[in-house]
Amino acid sequence: MAFNKRNNNDDSSGGNKKFGFHTAHRFPNRRGKDWEGPVVDYKEVDLLRKFMTTSAKMMTRKRAGTSSQEQRALKEAIKQARFMALLPYTST
């Protein structure tokens, strides 16, 4: 053959691994069988600020490391906190 097909699982390329999408949840202790209520509340301003950039934008799922359910809960909590004037809409 003119070329050598490489196996996708081959690690001899010096760290060019292909990772799957993250599966770890950002808030693992806030779920369970008896879980009732939101993953995050709008009154937890310090926690919400960790998921915002310096320009007061919401971080993406990939950057924040959250699942889709957690990202939806964060989105709603940030919007509620902005409406209640706990968080800014813009940084300046």
PDB file of N, CA and C in Angstrom:
ATOM      1  N   MET A   1       0.830  -1.177   0.000  1.00  0.00           N
ATOM      2  CA  MET A   1       0.000   0.000   0.000  1.00  0.00           C
ATOM      3  C   MET A   1       0.876   1.243   0.000  1.00  0.00           C
ATOM      4  N   ALA A   2       0.320   2.312  -0.509  1.00  0.00           N
ATOM      5  CA  ALA A   2       1.064   3.565  -0.606  1.00  0.00           C
ATOM      6  C   ALA A   2       1.131   4.288   0.733  1.00  0.00           C
ATOM      7  N   PHE A   3       0.184   4.045   1.590  1.00  0.00           N
ATOM      8  CA  PHE A   3       0.199   4.699   2.892  1.00  0.00           C
ATOM      9  C   PHE A   3      -0.195   3.705   3.967  1.00  0.00           C
ATOM     10  N   ASN A   4       0.175   4.025   5.180  1.00  0.00           N
ATOM     11  CA  ASN A   4      -0.114   3.158   6.306  1.00  0.00           C
ATOM     12  C   ASN A   4      -1.297   3.736   7.069  1.00  0.00           C
ATOM     13  N   LYS A   5      -2.386   3.005   7.123  1.00  0.00           N
ATOM     14  CA  LYS A   5      -3.544   3.468   7.874  1.00  0.00           C
ATOM     15  C   LYS A   5      -3.255   3.353   9.359  1.00  0.00           C
ATOM     16  N   ARG A   6      -3.484   4.421  10.092  1.00  0.00           N
ATOM     17  CA  ARG A   6      -3.235   4.399  11.527  1.00  0.00           C
ATOM     18  C   ARG A   6      -4.514   4.080  12.268  1.00  0.00           C
ATOM     19  N   ASN A   7      -4.353   3.379  13.338  1.00  0.00           N
ATOM     20  CA  ASN A   7      -5.481   3.050  14.192  1.00  0.00           C
ATOM     21  C   ASN A   7      -5.850   4.289  15.008  1.00  0.00           C
ATOM     22  N   ASN A   8      -7.141   4.561  15.203  1.00  0.00           N
ATOM     23  CA  ASN A   8      -7.569   5.729  15.978  1.00  0.00           C
ATOM     24  C   ASN A   8      -7.140   5.630  17.429  1.00  0.00           C
ATOM     25  N   ASN A   9      -6.952   4.428  17.940  1.00  0.00           N
ATOM     26  CA  ASN A   9      -6.577   4.246  19.336  1.00  0.00           C
ATOM     27  C   ASN A   9      -5.077   4.234  19.537  1.00  0.00           C
ATOM     28  N   ASP A  10      -4.292   4.468  18.503  1.00  0.00           N
ATOM     29  CA  ASP A  10      -2.840   4.428  18.587  1.00  0.00           C
ATOM     30  C   ASP A  10      -2.326   5.684  19.278  1.00  0.00           C
ATOM     31  N   ASP A  11      -1.581   5.532  20.390  1.00  0.00           N
ATOM     32  CA  ASP A  11      -1.052   6.665  21.149  1.00  0.00           C
ATOM     33  C   ASP A  11       0.383   6.986  20.782  1.00  0.00           C
ATOM     34  N   SER A  12       0.919   6.389  19.731  1.00  0.00           N
ATOM     35  CA  SER A  12       2.307   6.621  19.374  1.00  0.00           C
ATOM     36  C   SER A  12       2.522   7.967  18.696  1.00  0.00           C
ATOM     37  N   SER A  13       1.448   8.720  18.456  1.00  0.00           N
ATOM     38  CA  SER A  13       1.572   9.994  17.757  1.00  0.00           C
ATOM     39  C   SER A  13       1.936  11.134  18.697  1.00  0.00           C
ATOM     40  N   GLY A  14       2.164  10.863  19.953  1.00  0.00           N
ATOM     41  CA  GLY A  14       2.594  11.896  20.874  1.00  0.00           C
ATOM     42  C   GLY A  14       1.460  12.696  21.487  1.00  0.00           C
ATOM     43  N   GLY A  15       0.371  12.051  21.819  1.00  0.00           N
ATOM     44  CA  GLY A  15      -0.697  12.731  22.529  1.00  0.00           C
ATOM     45  C   GLY A  15      -1.834  13.219  21.663  1.00  0.00           C
ATOM     46  N   ASN A  16      -1.958  12.751  20.466  1.00  0.00           N
ATOM     47  CA  ASN A  16      -3.074  13.146  19.620  1.00  0.00           C
ATOM     48  C   ASN A  16      -4.266  12.235  19.860  1.00  0.00           C
ATOM     49  N   LYS A  17      -4.672  12.113  21.103  1.00  0.00           N
ATOM     50  CA  LYS A  17      -5.818  11.280  21.434  1.00  0.00           C
ATOM     51  C   LYS A  17      -7.096  12.019  21.070  1.00  0.00           C
ATOM     52  N   LYS A  18      -8.092  11.257  20.720  1.00  0.00           N
ATOM     53  CA  LYS A  18      -9.391  11.845  20.478  1.00  0.00           C
ATOM     54  C   LYS A  18     -10.262  11.526  21.678  1.00  0.00           C
ATOM     55  N   PHE A  19     -10.580  12.549  22.424  1.00  0.00           N
ATOM     56  CA  PHE A  19     -11.400  12.365  23.607  1.00  0.00           C
ATOM     57  C   PHE A  19     -12.853  12.533  23.243  1.00  0.00           C
ATOM     58  N   GLY A  20     -13.702  11.773  23.894  1.00  0.00           N
ATOM     59  CA  GLY A  20     -15.127  11.941  23.728  1.00  0.00           C
ATOM     60  C   GLY A  20     -15.595  13.143  24.529  1.00  0.00           C
ATOM     61  N   PHE A  21     -16.854  13.461  24.401  1.00  0.00           N
ATOM     62  CA  PHE A  21     -17.397  14.594  25.136  1.00  0.00           C
ATOM     63  C   PHE A  21     -17.380  14.279  26.624  1.00  0.00           C
ATOM     64  N   HIS A  22     -17.223  15.290  27.436  1.00  0.00           N
ATOM     65  CA  HIS A  22     -17.102  15.085  28.875  1.00  0.00           C
ATOM     66  C   HIS A  22     -18.360  14.436  29.434  1.00  0.00           C
ATOM     67  N   THR A  23     -18.180  13.595  30.428  1.00  0.00           N
ATOM     68  CA  THR A  23     -19.328  12.930  31.032  1.00  0.00           C
ATOM     69  C   THR A  23     -19.467  13.267  32.499  1.00  0.00           C
ATOM     70  N   ALA A  24     -18.464  13.907  33.076  1.00  0.00           N
ATOM     71  CA  ALA A  24     -18.539  14.264  34.490  1.00  0.00           C
ATOM     72  C   ALA A  24     -19.460  15.459  34.672  1.00  0.00           C
ATOM     73  N   HIS A  25     -20.276  15.407  35.696  1.00  0.00           N
ATOM     74  CA  HIS A  25     -21.193  16.501  35.966  1.00  0.00           C
ATOM     75  C   HIS A  25     -20.519  17.511  36.877  1.00  0.00           C
ATOM     76  N   ARG A  26     -20.838  18.769  36.693  1.00  0.00           N
ATOM     77  CA  ARG A  26     -20.238  19.849  37.470  1.00  0.00           C
ATOM     78  C   ARG A  26     -20.838  19.911  38.876  1.00  0.00           C
ATOM     79  N   PHE A  27     -22.077  19.482  39.038  1.00  0.00           N
ATOM     80  CA  PHE A  27     -22.767  19.517  40.322  1.00  0.00           C
ATOM     81  C   PHE A  27     -23.209  18.105  40.709  1.00  0.00           C
ATOM     82  N   PRO A  28     -22.289  17.180  40.965  1.00  0.00           N
ATOM     83  CA  PRO A  28     -22.702  15.798  41.211  1.00  0.00           C
ATOM     84  C   PRO A  28     -23.434  15.599  42.537  1.00  0.00           C
ATOM     85  N   ASN A  29     -23.160  16.433  43.530  1.00  0.00           N
ATOM     86  CA  ASN A  29     -23.784  16.243  44.834  1.00  0.00           C
ATOM     87  C   ASN A  29     -25.179  16.849  44.908  1.00  0.00           C
ATOM     88  N   ARG A  30     -25.663  17.441  43.835  1.00  0.00           N
ATOM     89  CA  ARG A  30     -26.975  18.073  43.848  1.00  0.00           C
ATOM     90  C   ARG A  30     -28.014  17.248  43.106  1.00  0.00           C
ATOM     91  N   ARG A  31     -27.757  15.986  42.902  1.00  0.00           N
ATOM     92  CA  ARG A  31     -28.730  15.127  42.249  1.00  0.00           C
ATOM     93  C   ARG A  31     -28.889  13.836  43.046  1.00  0.00           C
ATOM     94  N   GLY A  32     -29.816  13.054  42.655  1.00  0.00           N
ATOM     95  CA  GLY A  32     -30.067  11.784  43.315  1.00  0.00           C
ATOM     96  C   GLY A  32     -31.519  11.398  43.154  1.00  0.00           C
ATOM     97  N   LYS A  33     -31.893  10.281  43.768  1.00  0.00           N
ATOM     98  CA  LYS A  33     -33.271   9.812  43.654  1.00  0.00           C
ATOM     99  C   LYS A  33     -34.241  10.766  44.341  1.00  0.00           C
ATOM    100  N   ASP A  34     -33.839  11.319  45.479  1.00  0.00           N
ATOM    101  CA  ASP A  34     -34.720  12.200  46.234  1.00  0.00           C
ATOM    102  C   ASP A  34     -34.507  13.666  45.879  1.00  0.00           C
ATOM    103  N   TRP A  35     -33.917  13.945  44.727  1.00  0.00           N
ATOM    104  CA  TRP A  35     -33.613  15.310  44.317  1.00  0.00           C
ATOM    105  C   TRP A  35     -34.884  16.038  43.932  1.00  0.00           C
ATOM    106  N   GLU A  36     -35.099  17.181  44.545  1.00  0.00           N
ATOM    107  CA  GLU A  36     -36.236  18.030  44.217  1.00  0.00           C
ATOM    108  C   GLU A  36     -35.735  19.464  44.140  1.00  0.00           C
ATOM    109  N   GLY A  37     -36.037  20.114  43.065  1.00  0.00           N
ATOM    110  CA  GLY A  37     -35.636  21.505  42.940  1.00  0.00           C
ATOM    111  C   GLY A  37     -34.562  21.716  41.900  1.00  0.00           C
ATOM    112  N   PRO A  38     -34.148  22.953  41.746  1.00  0.00           N
ATOM    113  CA  PRO A  38     -33.165  23.261  40.705  1.00  0.00           C
ATOM    114  C   PRO A  38     -31.761  22.812  41.077  1.00  0.00           C
ATOM    115  N   VAL A  39     -30.918  22.644  40.065  1.00  0.00           N
ATOM    116  CA  VAL A  39     -29.523  22.289  40.283  1.00  0.00           C
ATOM    117  C   VAL A  39     -28.804  23.462  40.934  1.00  0.00           C
ATOM    118  N   VAL A  40     -29.142  24.666  40.515  1.00  0.00           N
ATOM    119  CA  VAL A  40     -28.522  25.871  41.049  1.00  0.00           C
ATOM    120  C   VAL A  40     -29.620  26.928  41.211  1.00  0.00           C
ATOM    121  N   ASP A  41     -29.495  27.755  42.230  1.00  0.00           N
ATOM    122  CA  ASP A  41     -30.493  28.766  42.521  1.00  0.00           C
ATOM    123  C   ASP A  41     -29.974  30.136  42.125  1.00  0.00           C
ATOM    124  N   TYR A  42     -30.866  31.055  41.802  1.00  0.00           N
ATOM    125  CA  TYR A  42     -30.442  32.381  41.365  1.00  0.00           C
ATOM    126  C   TYR A  42     -29.822  33.197  42.495  1.00  0.00           C
ATOM    127  N   LYS A  43     -30.046  32.789  43.732  1.00  0.00           N
ATOM    128  CA  LYS A  43     -29.490  33.537  44.877  1.00  0.00           C
ATOM    129  C   LYS A  43     -28.032  33.181  45.167  1.00  0.00           C
ATOM    130  N   GLU A  44     -27.503  32.147  44.534  1.00  0.00           N
ATOM    131  CA  GLU A  44     -26.106  31.751  44.710  1.00  0.00           C
ATOM    132  C   GLU A  44     -25.233  32.548  43.741  1.00  0.00           C
ATOM    133  N   VAL A  45     -25.052  33.822  44.047  1.00  0.00           N
ATOM    134  CA  VAL A  45     -24.384  34.737  43.137  1.00  0.00           C
ATOM    135  C   VAL A  45     -22.913  34.370  42.945  1.00  0.00           C
ATOM    136  N   ASP A  46     -22.230  33.972  44.001  1.00  0.00           N
ATOM    137  CA  ASP A  46     -20.818  33.611  43.872  1.00  0.00           C
ATOM    138  C   ASP A  46     -20.631  32.415  42.942  1.00  0.00           C
ATOM    139  N   LEU A  47     -21.507  31.455  43.026  1.00  0.00           N
ATOM    140  CA  LEU A  47     -21.440  30.294  42.139  1.00  0.00           C
ATOM    141  C   LEU A  47     -21.734  30.692  40.699  1.00  0.00           C
ATOM    142  N   LEU A  48     -22.719  31.551  40.505  1.00  0.00           N
ATOM    143  CA  LEU A  48     -23.087  31.971  39.156  1.00  0.00           C
ATOM    144  C   LEU A  48     -21.975  32.773  38.498  1.00  0.00           C
ATOM    145  N   ARG A  49     -21.245  33.550  39.276  1.00  0.00           N
ATOM    146  CA  ARG A  49     -20.146  34.342  38.715  1.00  0.00           C
ATOM    147  C   ARG A  49     -19.029  33.453  38.171  1.00  0.00           C
ATOM    148  N   LYS A  50     -18.874  32.252  38.709  1.00  0.00           N
ATOM    149  CA  LYS A  50     -17.854  31.326  38.208  1.00  0.00           C
ATOM    150  C   LYS A  50     -18.166  30.853  36.789  1.00  0.00           C
ATOM    151  N   PHE A  51     -19.425  30.927  36.399  1.00  0.00           N
ATOM    152  CA  PHE A  51     -19.835  30.474  35.081  1.00  0.00           C
ATOM    153  C   PHE A  51     -20.086  31.633  34.128  1.00  0.00           C
ATOM    154  N   MET A  52     -19.529  32.797  34.459  1.00  0.00           N
ATOM    155  CA  MET A  52     -19.637  33.963  33.589  1.00  0.00           C
ATOM    156  C   MET A  52     -18.239  34.453  33.240  1.00  0.00           C
ATOM    157  N   THR A  53     -18.101  35.025  32.059  1.00  0.00           N
ATOM    158  CA  THR A  53     -16.817  35.578  31.644  1.00  0.00           C
ATOM    159  C   THR A  53     -16.641  36.956  32.265  1.00  0.00           C
ATOM    160  N   THR A  54     -15.487  37.573  32.026  1.00  0.00           N
ATOM    161  CA  THR A  54     -15.228  38.908  32.572  1.00  0.00           C
ATOM    162  C   THR A  54     -16.129  39.962  31.952  1.00  0.00           C
ATOM    163  N   SER A  55     -16.657  39.674  30.766  1.00  0.00           N
ATOM    164  CA  SER A  55     -17.577  40.621  30.132  1.00  0.00           C
ATOM    165  C   SER A  55     -19.037  40.305  30.465  1.00  0.00           C
ATOM    166  N   ALA A  56     -19.271  39.528  31.520  1.00  0.00           N
ATOM    167  CA  ALA A  56     -20.597  39.176  32.047  1.00  0.00           C
ATOM    168  C   ALA A  56     -21.415  38.342  31.078  1.00  0.00           C
ATOM    169  N   LYS A  57     -20.760  37.551  30.227  1.00  0.00           N
ATOM    170  CA  LYS A  57     -21.465  36.618  29.357  1.00  0.00           C
ATOM    171  C   LYS A  57     -21.444  35.230  29.992  1.00  0.00           C
ATOM    172  N   MET A  58     -22.427  34.413  29.642  1.00  0.00           N
ATOM    173  CA  MET A  58     -22.462  33.044  30.133  1.00  0.00           C
ATOM    174  C   MET A  58     -21.425  32.209  29.400  1.00  0.00           C
ATOM    175  N   MET A  59     -20.741  31.341  30.136  1.00  0.00           N
ATOM    176  CA  MET A  59     -19.763  30.456  29.509  1.00  0.00           C
ATOM    177  C   MET A  59     -20.475  29.362  28.721  1.00  0.00           C
ATOM    178  N   THR A  60     -19.788  28.845  27.724  1.00  0.00           N
ATOM    179  CA  THR A  60     -20.339  27.747  26.945  1.00  0.00           C
ATOM    180  C   THR A  60     -20.282  26.460  27.761  1.00  0.00           C
ATOM    181  N   ARG A  61     -21.027  25.471  27.318  1.00  0.00           N
ATOM    182  CA  ARG A  61     -21.035  24.175  28.007  1.00  0.00           C
ATOM    183  C   ARG A  61     -19.660  23.547  28.016  1.00  0.00           C
ATOM    184  N   LYS A  62     -18.974  23.639  26.904  1.00  0.00           N
ATOM    185  CA  LYS A  62     -17.663  22.999  26.790  1.00  0.00           C
ATOM    186  C   LYS A  62     -16.659  23.651  27.722  1.00  0.00           C
ATOM    187  N   ARG A  63     -16.688  24.961  27.811  1.00  0.00           N
ATOM    188  CA  ARG A  63     -15.744  25.681  28.669  1.00  0.00           C
ATOM    189  C   ARG A  63     -16.101  25.524  30.143  1.00  0.00           C
ATOM    190  N   ALA A  64     -17.386  25.531  30.458  1.00  0.00           N
ATOM    191  CA  ALA A  64     -17.814  25.431  31.850  1.00  0.00           C
ATOM    192  C   ALA A  64     -17.767  23.994  32.359  1.00  0.00           C
ATOM    193  N   GLY A  65     -17.867  23.027  31.454  1.00  0.00           N
ATOM    194  CA  GLY A  65     -17.839  21.626  31.854  1.00  0.00           C
ATOM    195  C   GLY A  65     -19.145  21.135  32.434  1.00  0.00           C
ATOM    196  N   THR A  66     -20.251  21.655  31.938  1.00  0.00           N
ATOM    197  CA  THR A  66     -21.557  21.279  32.457  1.00  0.00           C
ATOM    198  C   THR A  66     -22.300  20.403  31.460  1.00  0.00           C
ATOM    199  N   SER A  67     -23.269  19.659  31.969  1.00  0.00           N
ATOM    200  CA  SER A  67     -24.134  18.881  31.088  1.00  0.00           C
ATOM    201  C   SER A  67     -25.223  19.802  30.548  1.00  0.00           C
ATOM    202  N   SER A  68     -26.030  19.294  29.638  1.00  0.00           N
ATOM    203  CA  SER A  68     -27.065  20.142  29.046  1.00  0.00           C
ATOM    204  C   SER A  68     -28.117  20.537  30.079  1.00  0.00           C
ATOM    205  N   GLN A  69     -28.461  19.616  30.973  1.00  0.00           N
ATOM    206  CA  GLN A  69     -29.441  19.932  32.012  1.00  0.00           C
ATOM    207  C   GLN A  69     -28.884  20.991  32.958  1.00  0.00           C
ATOM    208  N   GLU A  70     -27.621  20.855  33.340  1.00  0.00           N
ATOM    209  CA  GLU A  70     -27.001  21.833  34.221  1.00  0.00           C
ATOM    210  C   GLU A  70     -26.863  23.187  33.537  1.00  0.00           C
ATOM    211  N   GLN A  71     -26.560  23.177  32.240  1.00  0.00           N
ATOM    212  CA  GLN A  71     -26.415  24.436  31.510  1.00  0.00           C
ATOM    213  C   GLN A  71     -27.754  25.161  31.408  1.00  0.00           C
ATOM    214  N   ARG A  72     -28.834  24.424  31.209  1.00  0.00           N
ATOM    215  CA  ARG A  72     -30.160  25.047  31.164  1.00  0.00           C
ATOM    216  C   ARG A  72     -30.514  25.657  32.513  1.00  0.00           C
ATOM    217  N   ALA A  73     -30.186  24.945  33.604  1.00  0.00           N
ATOM    218  CA  ALA A  73     -30.468  25.471  34.940  1.00  0.00           C
ATOM    219  C   ALA A  73     -29.624  26.714  35.223  1.00  0.00           C
ATOM    220  N   LEU A  74     -28.364  26.697  34.792  1.00  0.00           N
ATOM    221  CA  LEU A  74     -27.504  27.872  34.956  1.00  0.00           C
ATOM    222  C   LEU A  74     -28.039  29.051  34.161  1.00  0.00           C
ATOM    223  N   LYS A  75     -28.484  28.793  32.944  1.00  0.00           N
ATOM    224  CA  LYS A  75     -29.014  29.863  32.094  1.00  0.00           C
ATOM    225  C   LYS A  75     -30.199  30.543  32.763  1.00  0.00           C
ATOM    226  N   GLU A  76     -31.124  29.753  33.259  1.00  0.00           N
ATOM    227  CA  GLU A  76     -32.301  30.315  33.912  1.00  0.00           C
ATOM    228  C   GLU A  76     -31.920  31.056  35.193  1.00  0.00           C
ATOM    229  N   ALA A  77     -30.994  30.503  35.969  1.00  0.00           N
ATOM    230  CA  ALA A  77     -30.591  31.143  37.218  1.00  0.00           C
ATOM    231  C   ALA A  77     -29.874  32.472  36.953  1.00  0.00           C
ATOM    232  N   ILE A  78     -29.032  32.510  35.927  1.00  0.00           N
ATOM    233  CA  ILE A  78     -28.327  33.756  35.598  1.00  0.00           C
ATOM    234  C   ILE A  78     -29.310  34.806  35.116  1.00  0.00           C
ATOM    235  N   LYS A  79     -30.275  34.399  34.308  1.00  0.00           N
ATOM    236  CA  LYS A  79     -31.271  35.356  33.831  1.00  0.00           C
ATOM    237  C   LYS A  79     -32.125  35.895  34.974  1.00  0.00           C
ATOM    238  N   GLN A  80     -32.496  35.033  35.918  1.00  0.00           N
ATOM    239  CA  GLN A  80     -33.271  35.488  37.067  1.00  0.00           C
ATOM    240  C   GLN A  80     -32.448  36.424  37.937  1.00  0.00           C
ATOM    241  N   ALA A  81     -31.171  36.100  38.142  1.00  0.00           N
ATOM    242  CA  ALA A  81     -30.309  36.951  38.961  1.00  0.00           C
ATOM    243  C   ALA A  81     -30.079  38.298  38.294  1.00  0.00           C
ATOM    244  N   ARG A  82     -29.998  38.323  36.972  1.00  0.00           N
ATOM    245  CA  ARG A  82     -29.866  39.600  36.273  1.00  0.00           C
ATOM    246  C   ARG A  82     -31.133  40.435  36.432  1.00  0.00           C
ATOM    247  N   PHE A  83     -32.290  39.797  36.340  1.00  0.00           N
ATOM    248  CA  PHE A  83     -33.554  40.506  36.488  1.00  0.00           C
ATOM    249  C   PHE A  83     -33.691  41.083  37.899  1.00  0.00           C
ATOM    250  N   MET A  84     -33.209  40.353  38.898  1.00  0.00           N
ATOM    251  CA  MET A  84     -33.283  40.808  40.286  1.00  0.00           C
ATOM    252  C   MET A  84     -32.136  41.759  40.643  1.00  0.00           C
ATOM    253  N   ALA A  85     -31.294  42.095  39.672  1.00  0.00           N
ATOM    254  CA  ALA A  85     -30.154  43.013  39.831  1.00  0.00           C
ATOM    255  C   ALA A  85     -29.092  42.463  40.759  1.00  0.00           C
ATOM    256  N   LEU A  86     -28.958  41.137  40.810  1.00  0.00           N
ATOM    257  CA  LEU A  86     -27.873  40.516  41.575  1.00  0.00           C
ATOM    258  C   LEU A  86     -26.623  40.352  40.727  1.00  0.00           C
ATOM    259  N   LEU A  87     -26.822  40.248  39.403  1.00  0.00           N
ATOM    260  CA  LEU A  87     -25.725  40.137  38.441  1.00  0.00           C
ATOM    261  C   LEU A  87     -25.908  41.207  37.371  1.00  0.00           C
ATOM    262  N   PRO A  88     -24.801  41.676  36.794  1.00  0.00           N
ATOM    263  CA  PRO A  88     -24.929  42.692  35.751  1.00  0.00           C
ATOM    264  C   PRO A  88     -25.272  42.075  34.389  1.00  0.00           C
ATOM    265  N   TYR A  89     -25.902  42.876  33.545  1.00  0.00           N
ATOM    266  CA  TYR A  89     -26.131  42.460  32.169  1.00  0.00           C
ATOM    267  C   TYR A  89     -24.860  42.622  31.342  1.00  0.00           C
ATOM    268  N   THR A  90     -24.109  43.691  31.628  1.00  0.00           N
ATOM    269  CA  THR A  90     -22.835  43.937  30.959  1.00  0.00           C
ATOM    270  C   THR A  90     -21.787  44.255  32.000  1.00  0.00           C
ATOM    271  N   SER A  91     -20.531  44.188  31.596  1.00  0.00           N
ATOM    272  CA  SER A  91     -19.444  44.408  32.565  1.00  0.00           C
ATOM    273  C   SER A  91     -19.145  45.888  32.775  1.00  0.00           C
ATOM    274  N   THR A  92     -19.493  46.732  31.832  1.00  0.00           N
ATOM    275  CA  THR A  92     -19.191  48.163  32.000  1.00  0.00           C
ATOM    276  C   THR A  92     -20.428  49.003  32.091  1.00  0.00           C
TER     277      THR A  92
END
